Amino acid sequence: MAESLSLQKIAYAAECIAYDLLSQKAGDRVRPMIEYHQLIGVSSGTVKNAFDYLEKTGAASFSRHGHEGSYIKALDYRKLQGCCTKKEILGIMPLPYSRRYEGLASAFYDQLSDLSFNMAYARGAQSRVRLVDSRTCHFAITSRYAALELIQEGMNVKVSLDLGPESYLSSHVLVMRRGNDRIRKGMRVAYDENSLDQKSITLAVTASVPVEFVSLRTQQTVSALLEGRIDAGVWNYDAVMDHPALQELSVIQLPRQQYTDSFTSAVVVIHKDNWTLDRLLTSRVTKDETMRVIDECIMERRVPVY
């Protein structure tokens, strides 16, 4: 029994260290064993055995320099992931219905290309973040606004990366049928209960006008307008501009008091206890490279991958 427990502790320590090493490269200095002892909560002997295991599997090799510490000689990222319980990193983001979202997905595939990684897609920030809270997915991409709202509600998550304004979308706009220029009393306005962003902006846009809210998925806004089921709705400007029926619509930009950069900024949300993934993502994914790939996809200079 004691031997079995010891092996379980070594396997757990090896998994934590393997995840941590995914954020490093040959030549980097390895964390001192005492740090892993404190971070993982196992004995120094277990940490040493975990390092020995990673070397025996060929996942990593190290050069040791006494009091100067140890350095990484080589890493096999696929084998490192093979030492983990979940052998694939799984992210989740909105459905890629715009070129910007296609570019966002492509940027993650690019920057995590040497890892076993896959992206899933689902509507609704709440649904995506719940999958991170339950540890079903490793990370979720949402707007900064939605992430902060869900953290305030008590989700066991944190923001690992903030990719900055226009990384999530260029803006939300008010969409109406041609000839309309503002919300009027009695209008039927789209309201998506599952979209924190759309709900908040819609309430701000209609704050001083009595309207009828119509329950509707955000992606159905334009079709509902054209079919006469609604008179107005808030939607993603990127998707509106790509719509074949654009000439039949009035697209109205929102005033700054109803709209902030928190709605256009993409953030990466992880479980608040996942320090290894935090280090991995912040070492590999950058704002500049993400925006470069997004821009190339928007300008159709790159075939998106998602």
C-alpha atoms as a PDB file:
ATOM      1  CA  MET A   1       0.000   0.000   0.000  1.00  0.00           C
ATOM      2  CA  ALA A   2       2.799   2.418   0.960  1.00  0.00           C
ATOM      3  CA  GLU A   3       4.664   1.676  -2.267  1.00  0.00           C
ATOM      4  CA  SER A   4       1.512   2.271  -4.310  1.00  0.00           C
ATOM      5  CA  LEU A   5       0.935   5.613  -2.587  1.00  0.00           C
ATOM      6  CA  SER A   6       4.553   6.621  -3.207  1.00  0.00           C
ATOM      7  CA  LEU A   7       4.220   5.823  -6.926  1.00  0.00           C
ATOM      8  CA  GLN A   8       1.025   7.878  -7.101  1.00  0.00           C
ATOM      9  CA  LYS A   9       2.820  10.854  -5.554  1.00  0.00           C
ATOM     10  CA  ILE A  10       5.716  10.511  -8.010  1.00  0.00           C
ATOM     11  CA  ALA A  11       3.273  10.324 -10.951  1.00  0.00           C
ATOM     12  CA  TYR A  12       1.438  13.413  -9.683  1.00  0.00           C
ATOM     13  CA  ALA A  13       4.691  15.339  -9.216  1.00  0.00           C
ATOM     14  CA  ALA A  14       5.922  14.257 -12.665  1.00  0.00           C
ATOM     15  CA  GLU A  15       2.671  15.506 -14.207  1.00  0.00           C
ATOM     16  CA  CYS A  16       2.955  18.930 -12.521  1.00  0.00           C
ATOM     17  CA  ILE A  17       6.625  19.278 -13.495  1.00  0.00           C
ATOM     18  CA  ALA A  18       5.930  18.104 -17.057  1.00  0.00           C
ATOM     19  CA  TYR A  19       3.213  20.744 -17.454  1.00  0.00           C
ATOM     20  CA  ASP A  20       5.541  23.382 -16.055  1.00  0.00           C
ATOM     21  CA  LEU A  21       8.318  22.386 -18.466  1.00  0.00           C
ATOM     22  CA  LEU A  22       5.945  22.859 -21.423  1.00  0.00           C
ATOM     23  CA  SER A  23       6.479  26.595 -20.949  1.00  0.00           C
ATOM     24  CA  GLN A  24      10.271  26.305 -21.156  1.00  0.00           C
ATOM     25  CA  LYS A  25      12.961  25.539 -23.723  1.00  0.00           C
ATOM     26  CA  ALA A  26      16.483  24.130 -23.954  1.00  0.00           C
ATOM     27  CA  GLY A  27      18.966  26.318 -22.088  1.00  0.00           C
ATOM     28  CA  ASP A  28      16.469  27.572 -19.510  1.00  0.00           C
ATOM     29  CA  ARG A  29      17.281  27.203 -15.828  1.00  0.00           C
ATOM     30  CA  VAL A  30      15.092  24.696 -14.000  1.00  0.00           C
ATOM     31  CA  ARG A  31      13.184  25.773 -10.909  1.00  0.00           C
ATOM     32  CA  PRO A  32      14.993  24.689  -7.718  1.00  0.00           C
ATOM     33  CA  MET A  33      13.563  21.474  -6.246  1.00  0.00           C
ATOM     34  CA  ILE A  34      12.533  23.365  -3.118  1.00  0.00           C
ATOM     35  CA  GLU A  35      10.148  25.465  -5.254  1.00  0.00           C
ATOM     36  CA  TYR A  36       8.497  22.377  -6.718  1.00  0.00           C
ATOM     37  CA  HIS A  37       8.317  20.903  -3.212  1.00  0.00           C
ATOM     38  CA  GLN A  38       6.373  23.996  -2.101  1.00  0.00           C
ATOM     39  CA  LEU A  39       4.219  24.342  -5.240  1.00  0.00           C
ATOM     40  CA  ILE A  40       3.227  20.677  -5.533  1.00  0.00           C
ATOM     41  CA  GLY A  41       3.102  19.813  -1.854  1.00  0.00           C
ATOM     42  CA  VAL A  42       5.241  16.637  -1.965  1.00  0.00           C
ATOM     43  CA  SER A  43       8.630  15.814  -0.457  1.00  0.00           C
ATOM     44  CA  SER A  44      11.914  16.809  -2.071  1.00  0.00           C
ATOM     45  CA  GLY A  45      12.656  13.102  -2.574  1.00  0.00           C
ATOM     46  CA  THR A  46       9.425  12.695  -4.543  1.00  0.00           C
ATOM     47  CA  VAL A  47      10.352  15.723  -6.689  1.00  0.00           C
ATOM     48  CA  LYS A  48      13.764  14.168  -7.439  1.00  0.00           C
ATOM     49  CA  ASN A  49      12.137  10.847  -8.367  1.00  0.00           C
ATOM     50  CA  ALA A  50       9.721  12.698 -10.646  1.00  0.00           C
ATOM     51  CA  PHE A  51      12.644  14.356 -12.479  1.00  0.00           C
ATOM     52  CA  ASP A  52      14.347  10.961 -12.811  1.00  0.00           C
ATOM     53  CA  TYR A  53      11.128   9.543 -14.297  1.00  0.00           C
ATOM     54  CA  LEU A  54      10.892  12.328 -16.886  1.00  0.00           C
ATOM     55  CA  GLU A  55      14.489  11.661 -17.937  1.00  0.00           C
ATOM     56  CA  LYS A  56      13.935   7.901 -18.188  1.00  0.00           C
ATOM     57  CA  THR A  57      10.914   8.389 -20.458  1.00  0.00           C
ATOM     58  CA  GLY A  58      12.918  10.692 -22.750  1.00  0.00           C
ATOM     59  CA  ALA A  59      10.574  13.604 -22.069  1.00  0.00           C
ATOM     60  CA  ALA A  60      13.397  15.795 -20.755  1.00  0.00           C
ATOM     61  CA  SER A  61      17.117  15.859 -20.060  1.00  0.00           C
ATOM     62  CA  PHE A  62      19.027  18.149 -17.732  1.00  0.00           C
ATOM     63  CA  SER A  63      22.568  19.286 -17.011  1.00  0.00           C
ATOM     64  CA  ARG A  64      23.346  19.813 -13.336  1.00  0.00           C
ATOM     65  CA  HIS A  65      25.837  22.416 -12.114  1.00  0.00           C
ATOM     66  CA  GLY A  66      25.894  22.041  -8.341  1.00  0.00           C
ATOM     67  CA  HIS A  67      25.080  25.255  -6.496  1.00  0.00           C
ATOM     68  CA  GLU A  68      24.446  27.004  -9.844  1.00  0.00           C
ATOM     69  CA  GLY A  69      21.388  24.819 -10.346  1.00  0.00           C
ATOM     70  CA  SER A  70      20.165  22.659 -13.224  1.00  0.00           C
ATOM     71  CA  TYR A  71      19.533  23.613 -16.846  1.00  0.00           C
ATOM     72  CA  ILE A  72      17.420  22.045 -19.565  1.00  0.00           C
ATOM     73  CA  LYS A  73      19.397  20.178 -22.206  1.00  0.00           C
ATOM     74  CA  ALA A  74      16.420  19.012 -24.284  1.00  0.00           C
ATOM     75  CA  LEU A  75      12.628  18.740 -24.105  1.00  0.00           C
ATOM     76  CA  ASP A  76      10.227  16.515 -26.050  1.00  0.00           C
ATOM     77  CA  TYR A  77       6.940  18.380 -25.675  1.00  0.00           C
ATOM     78  CA  ARG A  78       4.788  15.502 -26.924  1.00  0.00           C
ATOM     79  CA  LYS A  79       6.367  13.109 -24.433  1.00  0.00           C
ATOM     80  CA  LEU A  80       5.954  15.674 -21.674  1.00  0.00           C
ATOM     81  CA  GLN A  81       2.240  15.800 -22.454  1.00  0.00           C
ATOM     82  CA  GLY A  82       2.222  12.011 -22.462  1.00  0.00           C
ATOM     83  CA  CYS A  83       3.208  12.142 -18.786  1.00  0.00           C
ATOM     84  CA  CYS A  84       0.021  14.051 -17.981  1.00  0.00           C
ATOM     85  CA  THR A  85      -3.410  12.654 -17.111  1.00  0.00           C
ATOM     86  CA  LYS A  86      -5.039  14.856 -19.756  1.00  0.00           C
ATOM     87  CA  LYS A  87      -2.668  14.339 -22.640  1.00  0.00           C
ATOM     88  CA  GLU A  88      -4.162  17.076 -24.834  1.00  0.00           C
ATOM     89  CA  ILE A  89      -4.643  20.738 -24.051  1.00  0.00           C
ATOM     90  CA  LEU A  90      -8.243  21.658 -24.814  1.00  0.00           C
ATOM     91  CA  GLY A  91      -9.418  25.236 -25.261  1.00  0.00           C
ATOM     92  CA  ILE A  92     -12.913  26.482 -26.029  1.00  0.00           C
ATOM     93  CA  MET A  93     -14.008  29.713 -27.741  1.00  0.00           C
ATOM     94  CA  PRO A  94     -17.031  31.170 -29.598  1.00  0.00           C
ATOM     95  CA  LEU A  95     -18.199  29.616 -32.852  1.00  0.00           C
ATOM     96  CA  PRO A  96     -15.940  31.015 -35.621  1.00  0.00           C
ATOM     97  CA  TYR A  97     -18.703  32.823 -37.546  1.00  0.00           C
ATOM     98  CA  SER A  98     -16.517  35.864 -38.387  1.00  0.00           C
ATOM     99  CA  ARG A  99     -13.061  36.254 -39.922  1.00  0.00           C
ATOM    100  CA  ARG A 100     -11.832  37.728 -36.654  1.00  0.00           C
ATOM    101  CA  TYR A 101     -12.852  34.598 -34.741  1.00  0.00           C
ATOM    102  CA  GLU A 102     -11.277  32.450 -37.455  1.00  0.00           C
ATOM    103  CA  GLY A 103      -8.080  34.435 -36.967  1.00  0.00           C
ATOM    104  CA  LEU A 104      -8.259  34.106 -33.177  1.00  0.00           C
ATOM    105  CA  ALA A 105      -8.504  30.317 -33.418  1.00  0.00           C
ATOM    106  CA  SER A 106      -5.705  30.220 -36.010  1.00  0.00           C
ATOM    107  CA  ALA A 107      -3.444  32.278 -33.725  1.00  0.00           C
ATOM    108  CA  PHE A 108      -3.765  29.714 -30.938  1.00  0.00           C
ATOM    109  CA  TYR A 109      -3.130  26.776 -33.277  1.00  0.00           C
ATOM    110  CA  ASP A 110      -0.035  28.614 -34.556  1.00  0.00           C
ATOM    111  CA  GLN A 111       1.426  29.463 -31.170  1.00  0.00           C
ATOM    112  CA  LEU A 112       0.740  26.037 -29.652  1.00  0.00           C
ATOM    113  CA  SER A 113       1.696  24.102 -32.799  1.00  0.00           C
ATOM    114  CA  ASP A 114       4.350  21.910 -31.151  1.00  0.00           C
ATOM    115  CA  LEU A 115       1.906  20.711 -28.483  1.00  0.00           C
ATOM    116  CA  SER A 116      -1.008  18.317 -28.599  1.00  0.00           C
ATOM    117  CA  PHE A 117      -3.743  20.958 -28.635  1.00  0.00           C
ATOM    118  CA  ASN A 118      -7.296  21.279 -29.860  1.00  0.00           C
ATOM    119  CA  MET A 119      -9.924  24.004 -29.798  1.00  0.00           C
ATOM    120  CA  ALA A 120     -13.619  23.378 -29.240  1.00  0.00           C
ATOM    121  CA  TYR A 121     -16.380  25.877 -30.032  1.00  0.00           C
ATOM    122  CA  ALA A 122     -19.532  26.817 -28.137  1.00  0.00           C
ATOM    123  CA  ARG A 123     -21.788  29.832 -27.805  1.00  0.00           C
ATOM    124  CA  GLY A 124     -22.237  31.572 -24.468  1.00  0.00           C
ATOM    125  CA  ALA A 125     -19.409  32.704 -22.192  1.00  0.00           C
ATOM    126  CA  GLN A 126     -21.134  31.173 -19.155  1.00  0.00           C
ATOM    127  CA  SER A 127     -21.187  27.723 -20.756  1.00  0.00           C
ATOM    128  CA  ARG A 128     -17.543  27.957 -21.797  1.00  0.00           C
ATOM    129  CA  VAL A 129     -16.302  29.161 -18.424  1.00  0.00           C
ATOM    130  CA  ARG A 130     -18.288  26.467 -16.584  1.00  0.00           C
ATOM    131  CA  LEU A 131     -16.317  23.880 -18.548  1.00  0.00           C
ATOM    132  CA  VAL A 132     -13.108  25.431 -17.217  1.00  0.00           C
ATOM    133  CA  ASP A 133     -14.494  25.643 -13.682  1.00  0.00           C
ATOM    134  CA  SER A 134     -15.288  21.900 -13.850  1.00  0.00           C
ATOM    135  CA  ARG A 135     -11.851  21.208 -15.399  1.00  0.00           C
ATOM    136  CA  THR A 136     -13.472  19.690 -18.508  1.00  0.00           C
ATOM    137  CA  CYS A 137     -11.572  22.214 -20.654  1.00  0.00           C
ATOM    138  CA  HIS A 138      -8.187  23.745 -19.840  1.00  0.00           C
ATOM    139  CA  PHE A 139      -9.047  27.282 -20.942  1.00  0.00           C
ATOM    140  CA  ALA A 140     -11.847  29.369 -22.404  1.00  0.00           C
ATOM    141  CA  ILE A 141     -11.786  32.523 -24.506  1.00  0.00           C
ATOM    142  CA  THR A 142     -14.372  35.199 -23.673  1.00  0.00           C
ATOM    143  CA  SER A 143     -14.629  38.949 -23.658  1.00  0.00           C
ATOM    144  CA  ARG A 144     -12.954  40.671 -20.713  1.00  0.00           C
ATOM    145  CA  TYR A 145     -16.378  41.949 -19.641  1.00  0.00           C
ATOM    146  CA  ALA A 146     -17.901  38.454 -19.467  1.00  0.00           C
ATOM    147  CA  ALA A 147     -14.864  36.986 -17.697  1.00  0.00           C
ATOM    148  CA  LEU A 148     -14.883  39.621 -14.952  1.00  0.00           C
ATOM    149  CA  GLU A 149     -18.645  39.251 -14.461  1.00  0.00           C
ATOM    150  CA  LEU A 150     -18.335  35.473 -14.040  1.00  0.00           C
ATOM    151  CA  ILE A 151     -15.377  35.782 -11.664  1.00  0.00           C
ATOM    152  CA  GLN A 152     -17.409  38.230  -9.563  1.00  0.00           C
ATOM    153  CA  GLU A 153     -20.253  35.673  -9.503  1.00  0.00           C
ATOM    154  CA  GLY A 154     -17.896  33.182  -7.870  1.00  0.00           C
ATOM    155  CA  MET A 155     -16.551  30.993 -10.680  1.00  0.00           C
ATOM    156  CA  ASN A 156     -13.257  29.329  -9.648  1.00  0.00           C
ATOM    157  CA  VAL A 157     -11.364  30.863 -12.563  1.00  0.00           C
ATOM    158  CA  LYS A 158      -8.965  33.683 -13.317  1.00  0.00           C
ATOM    159  CA  VAL A 159      -7.753  35.647 -16.340  1.00  0.00           C
ATOM    160  CA  SER A 160      -4.434  34.265 -17.563  1.00  0.00           C
ATOM    161  CA  LEU A 161      -4.059  36.443 -20.689  1.00  0.00           C
ATOM    162  CA  ASP A 162      -5.641  39.694 -21.855  1.00  0.00           C
ATOM    163  CA  LEU A 163      -5.097  40.062 -25.604  1.00  0.00           C
ATOM    164  CA  GLY A 164      -6.225  43.684 -25.757  1.00  0.00           C
ATOM    165  CA  PRO A 165      -8.861  45.752 -27.629  1.00  0.00           C
ATOM    166  CA  GLU A 166     -10.236  44.336 -30.906  1.00  0.00           C
ATOM    167  CA  SER A 167      -8.766  40.884 -30.302  1.00  0.00           C
ATOM    168  CA  TYR A 168     -12.280  39.527 -29.577  1.00  0.00           C
ATOM    169  CA  LEU A 169     -14.285  41.678 -31.986  1.00  0.00           C
ATOM    170  CA  SER A 170     -14.045  45.147 -33.486  1.00  0.00           C
ATOM    171  CA  SER A 171     -17.247  46.383 -31.806  1.00  0.00           C
ATOM    172  CA  HIS A 172     -20.891  45.650 -31.173  1.00  0.00           C
ATOM    173  CA  VAL A 173     -23.402  47.722 -33.140  1.00  0.00           C
ATOM    174  CA  LEU A 174     -27.118  48.353 -33.117  1.00  0.00           C
ATOM    175  CA  VAL A 175     -28.646  46.758 -36.218  1.00  0.00           C
ATOM    176  CA  MET A 176     -32.024  47.892 -37.594  1.00  0.00           C
ATOM    177  CA  ARG A 177     -33.877  47.701 -40.869  1.00  0.00           C
ATOM    178  CA  ARG A 178     -32.953  50.345 -43.431  1.00  0.00           C
ATOM    179  CA  GLY A 179     -34.503  53.741 -42.665  1.00  0.00           C
ATOM    180  CA  ASN A 180     -34.343  53.490 -38.855  1.00  0.00           C
ATOM    181  CA  ASP A 181     -31.748  55.408 -36.878  1.00  0.00           C
ATOM    182  CA  ARG A 182     -32.624  54.936 -33.205  1.00  0.00           C
ATOM    183  CA  ILE A 183     -34.620  52.888 -30.705  1.00  0.00           C
ATOM    184  CA  ARG A 184     -38.241  54.029 -30.437  1.00  0.00           C
ATOM    185  CA  LYS A 185     -41.014  53.270 -27.959  1.00  0.00           C
ATOM    186  CA  GLY A 186     -42.685  49.891 -28.487  1.00  0.00           C
ATOM    187  CA  MET A 187     -39.960  48.424 -30.727  1.00  0.00           C
ATOM    188  CA  ARG A 188     -39.240  44.710 -30.551  1.00  0.00           C
ATOM    189  CA  VAL A 189     -35.587  44.322 -29.537  1.00  0.00           C
ATOM    190  CA  ALA A 190     -33.540  41.103 -29.606  1.00  0.00           C
ATOM    191  CA  TYR A 191     -32.449  39.867 -26.173  1.00  0.00           C
ATOM    192  CA  ASP A 192     -30.094  36.888 -25.755  1.00  0.00           C
ATOM    193  CA  GLU A 193     -30.304  35.514 -22.208  1.00  0.00           C
ATOM    194  CA  ASN A 194     -27.150  33.418 -22.801  1.00  0.00           C
ATOM    195  CA  SER A 195     -24.904  36.317 -23.852  1.00  0.00           C
ATOM    196  CA  LEU A 196     -23.600  38.441 -20.980  1.00  0.00           C
ATOM    197  CA  ASP A 197     -22.210  41.010 -23.423  1.00  0.00           C
ATOM    198  CA  GLN A 198     -25.319  41.355 -25.568  1.00  0.00           C
ATOM    199  CA  LYS A 199     -27.630  41.546 -22.541  1.00  0.00           C
ATOM    200  CA  SER A 200     -25.596  44.298 -20.900  1.00  0.00           C
ATOM    201  CA  ILE A 201     -25.269  46.398 -24.048  1.00  0.00           C
ATOM    202  CA  THR A 202     -28.946  45.927 -24.983  1.00  0.00           C
ATOM    203  CA  LEU A 203     -30.073  47.112 -21.551  1.00  0.00           C
ATOM    204  CA  ALA A 204     -27.814  50.178 -21.889  1.00  0.00           C
ATOM    205  CA  VAL A 205     -29.109  50.983 -25.395  1.00  0.00           C
ATOM    206  CA  THR A 206     -32.772  50.727 -24.346  1.00  0.00           C
ATOM    207  CA  ALA A 207     -32.423  52.172 -20.835  1.00  0.00           C
ATOM    208  CA  SER A 208     -34.653  55.229 -21.386  1.00  0.00           C
ATOM    209  CA  VAL A 209     -37.116  53.736 -23.897  1.00  0.00           C
ATOM    210  CA  PRO A 210     -39.946  51.254 -23.143  1.00  0.00           C
ATOM    211  CA  VAL A 211     -39.482  48.385 -25.584  1.00  0.00           C
ATOM    212  CA  GLU A 212     -40.504  44.747 -25.979  1.00  0.00           C
ATOM    213  CA  PHE A 213     -37.652  42.276 -25.537  1.00  0.00           C
ATOM    214  CA  VAL A 214     -37.734  39.265 -27.836  1.00  0.00           C
ATOM    215  CA  SER A 215     -35.791  36.189 -26.717  1.00  0.00           C
ATOM    216  CA  LEU A 216     -33.415  35.382 -29.556  1.00  0.00           C
ATOM    217  CA  ARG A 217     -29.976  33.930 -30.149  1.00  0.00           C
ATOM    218  CA  THR A 218     -27.584  36.714 -31.095  1.00  0.00           C
ATOM    219  CA  GLN A 219     -26.557  34.968 -34.331  1.00  0.00           C
ATOM    220  CA  GLN A 220     -30.212  35.089 -35.493  1.00  0.00           C
ATOM    221  CA  THR A 221     -30.418  38.890 -35.253  1.00  0.00           C
ATOM    222  CA  VAL A 222     -30.158  39.718 -38.970  1.00  0.00           C
ATOM    223  CA  SER A 223     -32.465  36.937 -40.162  1.00  0.00           C
ATOM    224  CA  ALA A 224     -35.064  37.960 -37.542  1.00  0.00           C
ATOM    225  CA  LEU A 225     -34.830  41.587 -38.731  1.00  0.00           C
ATOM    226  CA  LEU A 226     -35.297  40.614 -42.372  1.00  0.00           C
ATOM    227  CA  GLU A 227     -38.247  38.364 -41.481  1.00  0.00           C
ATOM    228  CA  GLY A 228     -39.916  41.145 -39.466  1.00  0.00           C
ATOM    229  CA  ARG A 229     -39.774  39.311 -36.112  1.00  0.00           C
ATOM    230  CA  ILE A 230     -37.805  42.132 -34.462  1.00  0.00           C
ATOM    231  CA  ASP A 231     -37.127  45.814 -35.117  1.00  0.00           C
ATOM    232  CA  ALA A 232     -33.618  46.068 -33.665  1.00  0.00           C
ATOM    233  CA  GLY A 233     -30.813  44.096 -32.085  1.00  0.00           C
ATOM    234  CA  VAL A 234     -27.229  44.378 -30.854  1.00  0.00           C
ATOM    235  CA  TRP A 235     -24.703  42.229 -32.687  1.00  0.00           C
ATOM    236  CA  ASN A 236     -21.043  41.760 -33.616  1.00  0.00           C
ATOM    237  CA  TYR A 237     -20.000  44.385 -36.197  1.00  0.00           C
ATOM    238  CA  ASP A 238     -17.567  41.935 -37.873  1.00  0.00           C
ATOM    239  CA  ALA A 239     -20.367  39.490 -38.650  1.00  0.00           C
ATOM    240  CA  VAL A 240     -22.790  42.228 -39.736  1.00  0.00           C
ATOM    241  CA  MET A 241     -20.302  43.633 -42.266  1.00  0.00           C
ATOM    242  CA  ASP A 242     -19.820  40.180 -43.801  1.00  0.00           C
ATOM    243  CA  HIS A 243     -23.580  39.577 -44.146  1.00  0.00           C
ATOM    244  CA  PRO A 244     -24.937  39.383 -47.721  1.00  0.00           C
ATOM    245  CA  ALA A 245     -28.005  41.445 -46.735  1.00  0.00           C
ATOM    246  CA  LEU A 246     -25.941  44.377 -45.419  1.00  0.00           C
ATOM    247  CA  GLN A 247     -27.522  46.838 -47.886  1.00  0.00           C
ATOM    248  CA  GLU A 248     -30.933  46.223 -46.282  1.00  0.00           C
ATOM    249  CA  LEU A 249     -29.744  47.178 -42.806  1.00  0.00           C
ATOM    250  CA  SER A 250     -29.007  50.286 -40.783  1.00  0.00           C
ATOM    251  CA  VAL A 251     -25.826  49.772 -38.758  1.00  0.00           C
ATOM    252  CA  ILE A 252     -25.477  52.241 -35.884  1.00  0.00           C
ATOM    253  CA  GLN A 253     -22.308  52.660 -33.836  1.00  0.00           C
ATOM    254  CA  LEU A 254     -22.828  52.838 -30.078  1.00  0.00           C
ATOM    255  CA  PRO A 255     -21.811  55.866 -27.960  1.00  0.00           C
ATOM    256  CA  ARG A 256     -18.897  55.379 -25.549  1.00  0.00           C
ATOM    257  CA  GLN A 257     -21.097  55.636 -22.448  1.00  0.00           C
ATOM    258  CA  GLN A 258     -22.826  52.428 -23.595  1.00  0.00           C
ATOM    259  CA  TYR A 259     -19.697  50.633 -24.741  1.00  0.00           C
ATOM    260  CA  THR A 260     -16.115  50.029 -23.560  1.00  0.00           C
ATOM    261  CA  ASP A 261     -13.002  48.129 -24.633  1.00  0.00           C
ATOM    262  CA  SER A 262     -13.881  45.372 -22.156  1.00  0.00           C
ATOM    263  CA  PHE A 263     -16.377  44.064 -24.744  1.00  0.00           C
ATOM    264  CA  THR A 264     -13.820  43.946 -27.591  1.00  0.00           C
ATOM    265  CA  SER A 265     -10.889  42.467 -25.651  1.00  0.00           C
ATOM    266  CA  ALA A 266     -10.366  38.694 -25.714  1.00  0.00           C
ATOM    267  CA  VAL A 267      -9.153  37.114 -22.499  1.00  0.00           C
ATOM    268  CA  VAL A 268      -8.052  33.580 -21.738  1.00  0.00           C
ATOM    269  CA  VAL A 269      -9.698  32.163 -18.631  1.00  0.00           C
ATOM    270  CA  ILE A 270      -8.205  29.220 -16.712  1.00  0.00           C
ATOM    271  CA  HIS A 271      -8.970  27.467 -13.432  1.00  0.00           C
ATOM    272  CA  LYS A 272      -7.541  29.637 -10.675  1.00  0.00           C
ATOM    273  CA  ASP A 273      -5.460  26.743  -9.290  1.00  0.00           C
ATOM    274  CA  ASN A 274      -3.847  25.845 -12.632  1.00  0.00           C
ATOM    275  CA  TRP A 275      -0.471  27.598 -12.173  1.00  0.00           C
ATOM    276  CA  THR A 276       1.264  25.356 -14.718  1.00  0.00           C
ATOM    277  CA  LEU A 277      -1.139  26.261 -17.524  1.00  0.00           C
ATOM    278  CA  ASP A 278      -0.894  29.935 -16.558  1.00  0.00           C
ATOM    279  CA  ARG A 279       2.864  29.826 -17.076  1.00  0.00           C
ATOM    280  CA  LEU A 280       2.560  27.826 -20.306  1.00  0.00           C
ATOM    281  CA  LEU A 281       0.083  30.216 -21.935  1.00  0.00           C
ATOM    282  CA  THR A 282       1.824  33.420 -20.883  1.00  0.00           C
ATOM    283  CA  SER A 283       5.150  32.090 -22.205  1.00  0.00           C
ATOM    284  CA  ARG A 284       3.789  31.048 -25.620  1.00  0.00           C
ATOM    285  CA  VAL A 285       0.829  33.271 -26.569  1.00  0.00           C
ATOM    286  CA  THR A 286       1.438  36.997 -27.150  1.00  0.00           C
ATOM    287  CA  LYS A 287      -0.795  39.939 -28.013  1.00  0.00           C
ATOM    288  CA  ASP A 288       1.328  40.988 -30.985  1.00  0.00           C
ATOM    289  CA  GLU A 289       1.455  37.563 -32.633  1.00  0.00           C
ATOM    290  CA  THR A 290      -2.238  36.952 -32.000  1.00  0.00           C
ATOM    291  CA  MET A 291      -3.217  40.264 -33.606  1.00  0.00           C
ATOM    292  CA  ARG A 292      -0.848  39.651 -36.535  1.00  0.00           C
ATOM    293  CA  VAL A 293      -2.575  36.345 -37.344  1.00  0.00           C
ATOM    294  CA  ILE A 294      -6.053  37.860 -36.833  1.00  0.00           C
ATOM    295  CA  ASP A 295      -5.252  40.723 -39.217  1.00  0.00           C
ATOM    296  CA  GLU A 296      -3.893  38.316 -41.856  1.00  0.00           C
ATOM    297  CA  CYS A 297      -7.102  36.269 -41.701  1.00  0.00           C
ATOM    298  CA  ILE A 298      -9.314  39.367 -41.895  1.00  0.00           C
ATOM    299  CA  MET A 299      -7.352  40.617 -44.929  1.00  0.00           C
ATOM    300  CA  GLU A 300      -7.551  37.084 -46.439  1.00  0.00           C
ATOM    301  CA  ARG A 301      -3.759  36.809 -46.642  1.00  0.00           C
ATOM    302  CA  ARG A 302      -3.891  33.575 -44.642  1.00  0.00           C
ATOM    303  CA  VAL A 303      -6.079  30.472 -44.811  1.00  0.00           C
ATOM    304  CA  PRO A 304      -7.562  30.124 -41.307  1.00  0.00           C
ATOM    305  CA  VAL A 305      -7.143  26.927 -39.285  1.00  0.00           C
ATOM    306  CA  TYR A 306      -9.827  26.032 -36.756  1.00  0.00           C
END
